[in-house]
Amino acid sequence: MPKLRMQVASIALITALCSAPLPLAAQEVLTEDLAIARALAREGIAARDDANRAEAAAVVSIIGPLDNPELELSRESAGGESEWQLGIVQPIDLSGRRGALRDAARSEAEAVENDIAWRRQQLVAETRRAYVGCAAAGAELQVWQAHAADLTEATRIAEARAREGDTAVYDVRRTRVALSGAEAELRLATGEREAGCASLVALTGIEDPHIPPSAMTSLRSGAATGTRADLAAQEQRLQAASQRVTAARRARLPQFSVGAGVLRRDDGIDTAYGPTVSIGVTLPIWNGGGAAVSEAEARQRALEAELAIAQRTAEAEQQAAATRAIAAQEAAVAAARSRDDAARLGTIASTAYQAGEIGVVELVDAYEAQRDGELTVIAHARRAAEAAITFDLATGRTYP
């Protein structure tokens, strides 16, 4: 039901905003998809992600199935006899400690992938907000342009009527004052449009982006995923912590090693060579195995608590975002309903003023009501769009 209401609201808003004035100059329209694609393709983003992946993969590769072998050389001499022994000793991980550490490294690598995905989702949301902000600033600029044009025409009519003696000089002064105020607001709106689009330019590299007002109400919703990427990363790190606990426990078990080499014996008369085989056991007595297990278990408990807190926070964010998105859409639709009436006020008042049926105060008031109605629609449409973007981010929706 909430989804249906949001769709109906979007249709109503699109209808209202599409009737806003558009610039006559032919200019390529920047779409939401293109803005997102350009933002994701900016220099440094892919390089950073690839470096993070390479670092995580290197950690997995470092932890091979076996420890490095040791090369041992020994010499003994007594009573004119000498003995040389050269051999290679290879530790054997029968306990599975290195396997557990390798699994932990793989889990960390998966967490890094989810970190990258979460950064991507945040960048997409930031780009969409900048896109909406630029669209809203452009729409507001168009409203002020139209308002200034209306007051310019009203001033021309008042001056003509004053010359013919049909109206008082007050009407001329009143329309001029209103026009001066509108021109000041127009300059401010021009600066606000440049400032509002600055973030989008920085994110996409596209100078002077042209976005139609309807873009605020036609944003594409992402594809829903099962878990937010940041929560998935925390889950993977918790799994890695559990695997390190296993590795720490297995490190307390004896470690075996086997060796093979060659023996050279010289008794002063003859020299003999022969193979050697050795078996060894490393006893983990002094390596603080108990403390290492306690540290790993404490780290695991801390990550469990952090994940539980993050999941509760995410659930609250999702509920709040959904409620806010629906409320913002409904408020935007309510504001849009009055836009048509406000737009007609200007036309009706202009005709009535030229006919001498109303005064300049009513004319200026009608123009201001029309302007305020359009600005209100834009403000609520922007708020609804930003609420929808926040909802997509909170629920972990992704984009191709």
Protein backbone atom coordinates (compact mmCIF):
# COMPACT_ATOMS: atom_id res chain seq x y z
CA MET A 1 0.00 0.00 0.00
CA PRO A 2 2.76 2.57 0.77
CA LYS A 3 4.39 1.78 -2.58
CA LEU A 4 1.11 2.41 -4.43
CA ARG A 5 0.55 5.71 -2.71
CA MET A 6 4.07 6.84 -3.58
CA GLN A 7 3.54 5.94 -7.25
CA VAL A 8 0.28 7.91 -7.41
CA ALA A 9 2.00 10.84 -5.74
CA SER A 10 4.81 10.78 -8.26
CA ILE A 11 2.36 10.89 -11.18
CA ALA A 12 0.60 13.90 -9.71
CA LEU A 13 3.85 15.72 -9.12
CA ILE A 14 5.18 14.99 -12.60
CA THR A 15 1.98 16.47 -14.07
CA ALA A 16 2.41 19.61 -12.00
CA LEU A 17 6.09 20.14 -12.63
CA CYS A 18 5.99 19.36 -16.34
CA SER A 19 3.80 22.44 -16.82
CA ALA A 20 6.56 24.64 -15.44
CA PRO A 21 8.30 26.86 -18.01
CA LEU A 22 11.31 25.32 -19.76
CA PRO A 23 14.25 27.14 -21.38
CA LEU A 24 13.94 27.54 -25.12
CA ALA A 25 17.60 26.85 -25.88
CA ALA A 26 18.26 23.37 -27.15
CA GLN A 27 20.50 21.64 -24.63
CA GLU A 28 21.25 18.03 -23.91
CA VAL A 29 19.30 16.84 -20.86
CA LEU A 30 21.31 15.21 -18.09
CA THR A 31 19.51 12.08 -16.91
CA GLU A 32 19.79 10.51 -13.51
CA ASP A 33 21.40 7.36 -14.94
CA LEU A 34 24.02 9.38 -16.80
CA ALA A 35 24.82 11.44 -13.70
CA ILE A 36 25.31 8.27 -11.63
CA ALA A 37 27.43 6.62 -14.33
CA ARG A 38 29.67 9.68 -14.64
CA ALA A 39 30.07 9.95 -10.87
CA LEU A 40 31.07 6.30 -10.55
CA ALA A 41 33.53 6.67 -13.42
CA ARG A 42 35.39 9.65 -11.92
CA GLU A 43 39.15 9.36 -11.60
CA GLY A 44 40.39 7.67 -8.44
CA ILE A 45 37.26 5.73 -7.49
CA ALA A 46 37.97 2.56 -9.48
CA ALA A 47 41.70 2.77 -8.63
CA ARG A 48 40.93 2.97 -4.91
CA ASP A 49 38.50 0.04 -5.10
CA ASP A 50 40.99 -2.08 -7.06
CA ALA A 51 43.73 -1.27 -4.55
CA ASN A 52 41.50 -2.32 -1.64
CA ARG A 53 40.67 -5.60 -3.40
CA ALA A 54 44.32 -6.26 -4.23
CA GLU A 55 45.35 -5.65 -0.63
CA ALA A 56 42.71 -8.05 0.70
CA ALA A 57 43.62 -10.70 -1.89
CA ALA A 58 47.32 -10.38 -0.99
CA VAL A 59 46.55 -11.09 2.66
CA VAL A 60 44.78 -14.30 1.61
CA SER A 61 47.73 -15.31 -0.57
CA ILE A 62 50.23 -14.67 2.20
CA ILE A 63 48.58 -17.23 4.44
CA GLY A 64 49.37 -20.35 2.42
CA PRO A 65 48.54 -23.92 3.43
CA LEU A 66 52.05 -24.45 4.87
CA ASP A 67 54.54 -22.45 6.89
CA ASN A 68 57.81 -21.62 5.22
CA PRO A 69 60.35 -24.50 5.45
CA GLU A 70 63.58 -24.07 7.39
CA LEU A 71 67.05 -24.88 6.07
CA GLU A 72 69.27 -26.32 8.80
CA LEU A 73 73.04 -26.82 8.68
CA SER A 74 74.97 -28.43 11.54
CA ARG A 75 78.57 -29.59 12.11
CA GLU A 76 80.00 -31.80 14.81
CA SER A 77 83.68 -32.62 15.38
CA ALA A 78 85.33 -34.87 17.94
CA GLY A 79 88.45 -37.15 18.08
CA GLY A 80 89.50 -36.39 14.55
CA GLU A 81 86.06 -37.17 13.16
CA SER A 82 83.70 -34.57 11.70
CA GLU A 83 80.08 -34.71 10.72
CA TRP A 84 78.12 -32.30 8.52
CA GLN A 85 74.35 -32.36 8.18
CA LEU A 86 72.24 -30.32 5.78
CA GLY A 87 68.46 -30.65 5.76
CA ILE A 88 65.11 -28.98 5.15
CA VAL A 89 62.50 -28.99 7.92
CA GLN A 90 58.86 -28.42 6.96
CA PRO A 91 56.26 -27.62 9.67
CA ILE A 92 52.99 -29.49 9.15
CA ASP A 93 49.76 -27.78 10.21
CA LEU A 94 47.89 -30.83 11.41
CA SER A 95 45.77 -28.73 13.79
CA GLY A 96 44.32 -26.59 10.98
CA ARG A 97 45.45 -23.27 12.49
CA ARG A 98 46.64 -21.82 9.17
CA GLY A 99 43.47 -22.99 7.45
CA ALA A 100 41.39 -21.06 9.99
CA LEU A 101 43.55 -17.96 9.50
CA ARG A 102 43.15 -18.27 5.73
CA ASP A 103 39.38 -18.54 6.10
CA ALA A 104 39.45 -15.40 8.26
CA ALA A 105 41.40 -13.57 5.56
CA ARG A 106 38.84 -14.66 2.95
CA SER A 107 36.04 -13.33 5.15
CA GLU A 108 37.90 -10.03 5.48
CA ALA A 109 38.22 -9.91 1.69
CA GLU A 110 34.45 -10.37 1.36
CA ALA A 111 33.96 -7.62 3.93
CA VAL A 112 36.14 -5.34 1.81
CA GLU A 113 33.92 -6.10 -1.20
CA ASN A 114 30.90 -5.07 0.85
CA ASP A 115 32.73 -1.92 2.00
CA ILE A 116 33.24 -1.06 -1.66
CA ALA A 117 29.58 -1.75 -2.40
CA TRP A 118 28.50 0.46 0.50
CA ARG A 119 30.75 3.29 -0.66
CA ARG A 120 29.17 2.92 -4.09
CA GLN A 121 25.67 3.12 -2.61
CA GLN A 122 26.61 6.24 -0.66
CA LEU A 123 28.14 7.86 -3.74
CA VAL A 124 25.02 7.06 -5.75
CA ALA A 125 22.83 8.62 -3.05
CA GLU A 126 25.07 11.70 -2.88
CA THR A 127 24.91 12.07 -6.67
CA ARG A 128 21.13 11.69 -6.71
CA ARG A 129 20.77 14.35 -3.99
CA ALA A 130 23.00 16.69 -5.96
CA TYR A 131 20.97 15.91 -9.07
CA VAL A 132 17.72 16.78 -7.28
CA GLY A 133 19.24 19.90 -5.75
CA CYS A 134 20.39 21.12 -9.16
CA ALA A 135 16.99 20.36 -10.69
CA ALA A 136 15.17 22.20 -7.90
CA ALA A 137 17.45 25.24 -8.13
CA GLY A 138 16.91 25.36 -11.88
CA ALA A 139 13.14 25.09 -11.47
CA GLU A 140 13.12 27.89 -8.90
CA LEU A 141 15.19 30.05 -11.24
CA GLN A 142 12.61 29.53 -13.99
CA VAL A 143 9.81 30.54 -11.62
CA TRP A 144 11.59 33.80 -10.75
CA GLN A 145 12.28 34.43 -14.44
CA ALA A 146 8.59 34.01 -15.23
CA HIS A 147 7.59 36.17 -12.24
CA ALA A 148 9.95 38.95 -13.31
CA ALA A 149 8.61 38.73 -16.87
CA ASP A 150 5.01 39.05 -15.58
CA LEU A 151 5.89 42.10 -13.50
CA THR A 152 7.78 43.65 -16.42
CA GLU A 153 4.65 43.33 -18.54
CA ALA A 154 2.52 44.70 -15.68
CA THR A 155 4.85 47.69 -15.38
CA ARG A 156 4.59 48.33 -19.12
CA ILE A 157 0.80 48.24 -18.98
CA ALA A 158 0.69 50.51 -15.90
CA GLU A 159 2.98 53.04 -17.57
CA ALA A 160 0.85 53.00 -20.74
CA ARG A 161 -2.35 53.47 -18.76
CA ALA A 162 -0.76 56.24 -16.70
CA ARG A 163 0.22 58.11 -19.86
CA GLU A 164 -3.37 57.85 -21.05
CA GLY A 165 -4.67 58.97 -17.67
CA ASP A 166 -6.48 55.70 -16.98
CA THR A 167 -4.63 55.01 -13.77
CA ALA A 168 -2.67 56.77 -11.09
CA VAL A 169 1.10 57.09 -10.96
CA TYR A 170 0.91 54.92 -7.83
CA ASP A 171 0.28 51.88 -10.02
CA VAL A 172 3.48 52.56 -11.94
CA ARG A 173 5.51 52.96 -8.76
CA ARG A 174 3.94 49.87 -7.18
CA THR A 175 4.72 47.64 -10.16
CA ARG A 176 8.24 49.06 -10.39
CA VAL A 177 8.89 48.30 -6.72
CA ALA A 178 7.58 44.75 -7.16
CA LEU A 179 9.69 44.34 -10.30
CA SER A 180 12.84 45.54 -8.53
CA GLY A 181 12.25 43.03 -5.76
CA ALA A 182 11.68 40.26 -8.32
CA GLU A 183 14.86 41.16 -10.21
CA ALA A 184 16.84 41.03 -6.96
CA GLU A 185 15.39 37.61 -6.17
CA LEU A 186 16.14 36.54 -9.75
CA ARG A 187 19.82 37.40 -9.30
CA LEU A 188 19.83 35.48 -6.04
CA ALA A 189 18.12 32.51 -7.70
CA THR A 190 20.73 32.57 -10.47
CA GLY A 191 23.50 32.32 -7.87
CA GLU A 192 21.61 29.63 -5.99
CA ARG A 193 21.28 27.62 -9.18
CA GLU A 194 25.04 27.80 -9.77
CA ALA A 195 25.72 26.88 -6.16
CA GLY A 196 23.09 24.15 -6.17
CA CYS A 197 24.63 22.55 -9.25
CA ALA A 198 28.23 22.90 -8.05
CA SER A 199 28.11 19.60 -6.14
CA LEU A 200 26.73 17.80 -9.18
CA VAL A 201 29.43 19.30 -11.39
CA ALA A 202 32.12 18.18 -8.94
CA LEU A 203 30.69 14.67 -8.73
CA THR A 204 30.11 14.12 -12.45
CA GLY A 205 32.53 16.48 -14.17
CA ILE A 206 29.67 17.73 -16.39
CA GLU A 207 29.73 21.51 -16.67
CA ASP A 208 26.44 23.45 -16.65
CA PRO A 209 24.14 20.41 -16.40
CA HIS A 210 20.63 20.88 -17.77
CA ILE A 211 17.97 19.03 -15.78
CA PRO A 212 14.21 19.42 -16.37
CA PRO A 213 12.02 20.14 -13.30
CA SER A 214 10.20 16.83 -13.77
CA ALA A 215 13.48 15.05 -12.88
CA MET A 216 12.68 15.60 -9.21
CA THR A 217 9.64 13.35 -9.46
CA SER A 218 10.87 10.76 -11.94
CA LEU A 219 13.86 9.36 -10.08
CA ARG A 220 14.39 5.67 -10.67
CA SER A 221 14.23 3.47 -7.58
CA GLY A 222 17.00 0.94 -7.17
CA ALA A 223 16.69 -2.83 -7.05
CA ALA A 224 16.05 -4.14 -3.54
CA THR A 225 18.70 -6.34 -1.97
CA GLY A 226 18.49 -8.64 1.02
CA THR A 227 21.04 -6.90 3.22
CA ARG A 228 22.62 -3.49 3.35
CA ALA A 229 26.23 -3.66 2.24
CA ASP A 230 27.56 -2.05 5.43
CA LEU A 231 25.76 -4.63 7.57
CA ALA A 232 27.01 -7.42 5.32
CA ALA A 233 30.58 -6.15 5.84
CA GLN A 234 30.13 -6.26 9.61
CA GLU A 235 28.73 -9.78 9.39
CA GLN A 236 31.77 -10.89 7.39
CA ARG A 237 34.14 -9.33 9.92
CA LEU A 238 32.30 -11.10 12.72
CA GLN A 239 32.77 -14.37 10.84
CA ALA A 240 36.47 -13.57 10.44
CA ALA A 241 36.72 -12.94 14.19
CA SER A 242 35.11 -16.32 14.88
CA GLN A 243 37.64 -17.99 12.58
CA ARG A 244 40.51 -16.26 14.38
CA VAL A 245 39.19 -17.62 17.66
CA THR A 246 39.40 -21.09 16.12
CA ALA A 247 42.96 -20.38 14.93
CA ALA A 248 43.99 -19.14 18.39
CA ARG A 249 42.65 -22.29 20.03
CA ARG A 250 44.39 -24.54 17.52
CA ALA A 251 47.64 -22.67 18.07
CA ARG A 252 47.73 -24.16 21.58
CA LEU A 253 48.07 -27.66 20.13
CA PRO A 254 51.51 -29.18 19.40
CA GLN A 255 52.84 -28.40 15.93
CA PHE A 256 54.59 -31.16 14.02
CA SER A 257 57.37 -30.91 11.48
CA VAL A 258 59.26 -33.34 9.23
CA GLY A 259 62.73 -32.96 7.80
CA ALA A 260 64.92 -34.56 5.18
CA GLY A 261 68.52 -33.97 4.25
CA VAL A 262 71.99 -35.38 3.68
CA LEU A 263 74.68 -36.40 6.15
CA ARG A 264 78.46 -36.27 5.50
CA ARG A 265 80.76 -38.12 7.90
CA ASP A 266 84.59 -38.01 7.74
CA ASP A 267 86.64 -40.17 10.17
CA GLY A 268 90.00 -39.15 8.75
CA ILE A 269 90.31 -42.29 6.66
CA ASP A 270 87.12 -42.44 4.70
CA THR A 271 84.19 -40.15 3.93
CA ALA A 272 80.60 -41.42 3.88
CA TYR A 273 77.36 -39.82 2.73
CA GLY A 274 73.80 -40.77 3.59
CA PRO A 275 70.22 -39.49 3.84
CA THR A 276 68.64 -38.21 7.05
CA VAL A 277 65.01 -38.03 8.15
CA SER A 278 63.71 -36.16 11.20
CA ILE A 279 60.42 -35.63 12.98
CA GLY A 280 59.88 -32.78 15.42
CA VAL A 281 57.20 -31.42 17.70
CA THR A 282 56.83 -27.78 18.74
CA LEU A 283 55.32 -27.42 22.20
CA PRO A 284 53.41 -24.15 22.62
CA ILE A 285 54.35 -23.57 26.23
CA TRP A 286 55.68 -20.01 26.26
CA ASN A 287 53.67 -18.37 23.46
CA GLY A 288 50.78 -17.09 25.63
CA GLY A 289 48.19 -19.20 23.87
CA GLY A 290 45.57 -18.66 26.56
CA ALA A 291 45.90 -14.89 26.32
CA ALA A 292 45.67 -15.04 22.53
CA VAL A 293 42.42 -17.01 22.77
CA SER A 294 41.01 -14.54 25.30
CA GLU A 295 41.90 -11.61 23.05
CA ALA A 296 40.29 -13.24 20.00
CA GLU A 297 37.14 -14.11 21.95
CA ALA A 298 36.88 -10.56 23.34
CA ARG A 299 37.19 -9.17 19.83
CA GLN A 300 34.46 -11.52 18.63
CA ARG A 301 32.12 -10.42 21.42
CA ALA A 302 32.76 -6.77 20.64
CA LEU A 303 31.92 -7.30 16.96
CA GLU A 304 28.77 -9.21 17.89
CA ALA A 305 27.62 -6.27 20.00
CA GLU A 306 28.50 -3.76 17.27
CA LEU A 307 26.56 -5.77 14.68
CA ALA A 308 23.50 -5.99 16.93
CA ILE A 309 23.59 -2.23 17.50
CA ALA A 310 24.05 -1.55 13.77
CA GLN A 311 21.14 -3.83 12.86
CA ARG A 312 18.82 -2.07 15.32
CA THR A 313 19.95 1.31 14.04
CA ALA A 314 19.42 0.26 10.43
CA GLU A 315 15.94 -1.04 11.19
CA ALA A 316 15.01 2.26 12.84
CA GLU A 317 16.47 4.20 9.89
CA GLN A 318 14.44 2.13 7.44
CA GLN A 319 11.19 2.63 9.33
CA ALA A 320 11.79 6.36 9.70
CA ALA A 321 12.82 6.71 6.06
CA ALA A 322 9.72 4.86 4.83
CA THR A 323 7.39 6.97 6.98
CA ARG A 324 9.11 10.21 5.97
CA ALA A 325 9.08 9.29 2.26
CA ILE A 326 5.33 8.60 2.26
CA ALA A 327 4.54 11.76 4.24
CA ALA A 328 6.73 13.89 1.99
CA GLN A 329 5.09 12.49 -1.13
CA GLU A 330 1.60 13.14 0.23
CA ALA A 331 2.56 16.69 1.25
CA ALA A 332 3.98 17.32 -2.22
CA VAL A 333 0.77 16.12 -3.87
CA ALA A 334 -1.29 18.37 -1.58
CA ALA A 335 0.85 21.33 -2.57
CA ALA A 336 0.58 20.45 -6.25
CA ARG A 337 -3.23 20.56 -6.14
CA SER A 338 -3.22 24.32 -5.63
CA ARG A 339 -0.70 25.05 -8.36
CA ASP A 340 -3.21 25.17 -11.22
CA ASP A 341 -5.45 27.61 -9.33
CA ALA A 342 -2.45 29.79 -8.51
CA ALA A 343 -1.34 29.76 -12.15
CA ARG A 344 -4.76 30.92 -13.31
CA LEU A 345 -4.72 33.81 -10.86
CA GLY A 346 -2.02 35.59 -12.82
CA THR A 347 -3.87 35.29 -16.14
CA ILE A 348 -7.22 36.33 -14.67
CA ALA A 349 -5.74 39.26 -12.76
CA SER A 350 -3.78 40.53 -15.79
CA THR A 351 -6.90 40.53 -17.96
CA ALA A 352 -8.95 42.21 -15.23
CA TYR A 353 -6.31 44.86 -14.61
CA GLN A 354 -6.04 45.77 -18.29
CA ALA A 355 -9.83 46.13 -18.32
CA GLY A 356 -9.71 48.36 -15.26
CA GLU A 357 -11.72 45.91 -13.14
CA ILE A 358 -9.09 45.52 -10.40
CA GLY A 359 -6.28 47.62 -9.01
CA VAL A 360 -2.55 47.13 -9.07
CA VAL A 361 -2.52 45.71 -5.54
CA GLU A 362 -4.72 42.81 -6.60
CA LEU A 363 -2.60 42.29 -9.74
CA VAL A 364 0.70 42.11 -7.83
CA ASP A 365 -0.92 39.90 -5.20
CA ALA A 366 -2.09 37.48 -7.90
CA TYR A 367 1.37 37.28 -9.42
CA GLU A 368 2.91 36.67 -6.00
CA ALA A 369 0.34 33.95 -5.24
CA GLN A 370 1.18 32.27 -8.53
CA ARG A 371 4.89 32.49 -7.78
CA ASP A 372 4.53 31.21 -4.22
CA GLY A 373 2.35 28.31 -5.36
CA GLU A 374 4.98 27.15 -7.86
CA LEU A 375 7.85 27.58 -5.38
CA THR A 376 5.91 25.57 -2.80
CA VAL A 377 5.39 22.72 -5.26
CA ILE A 378 9.11 22.69 -6.07
CA ALA A 379 10.13 22.76 -2.39
CA HIS A 380 7.85 19.85 -1.50
CA ALA A 381 8.83 17.89 -4.61
CA ARG A 382 12.50 18.28 -3.67
CA ARG A 383 11.80 17.16 -0.12
CA ALA A 384 9.88 14.13 -1.38
CA ALA A 385 12.67 13.19 -3.79
CA GLU A 386 15.34 13.49 -1.12
CA ALA A 387 13.22 11.38 1.25
CA ALA A 388 12.93 8.69 -1.43
CA ILE A 389 16.70 8.72 -1.91
CA THR A 390 17.23 8.35 1.83
CA PHE A 391 14.80 5.42 1.83
CA ASP A 392 16.71 3.69 -0.97
CA LEU A 393 20.01 4.12 0.89
CA ALA A 394 18.54 2.97 4.21
CA THR A 395 17.13 -0.21 2.64
CA GLY A 396 20.32 -1.00 0.69
CA ARG A 397 18.87 -0.60 -2.78
CA THR A 398 21.54 -0.79 -5.45
CA TYR A 399 21.99 0.39 -9.03
CA PRO A 400 23.58 -1.40 -12.00
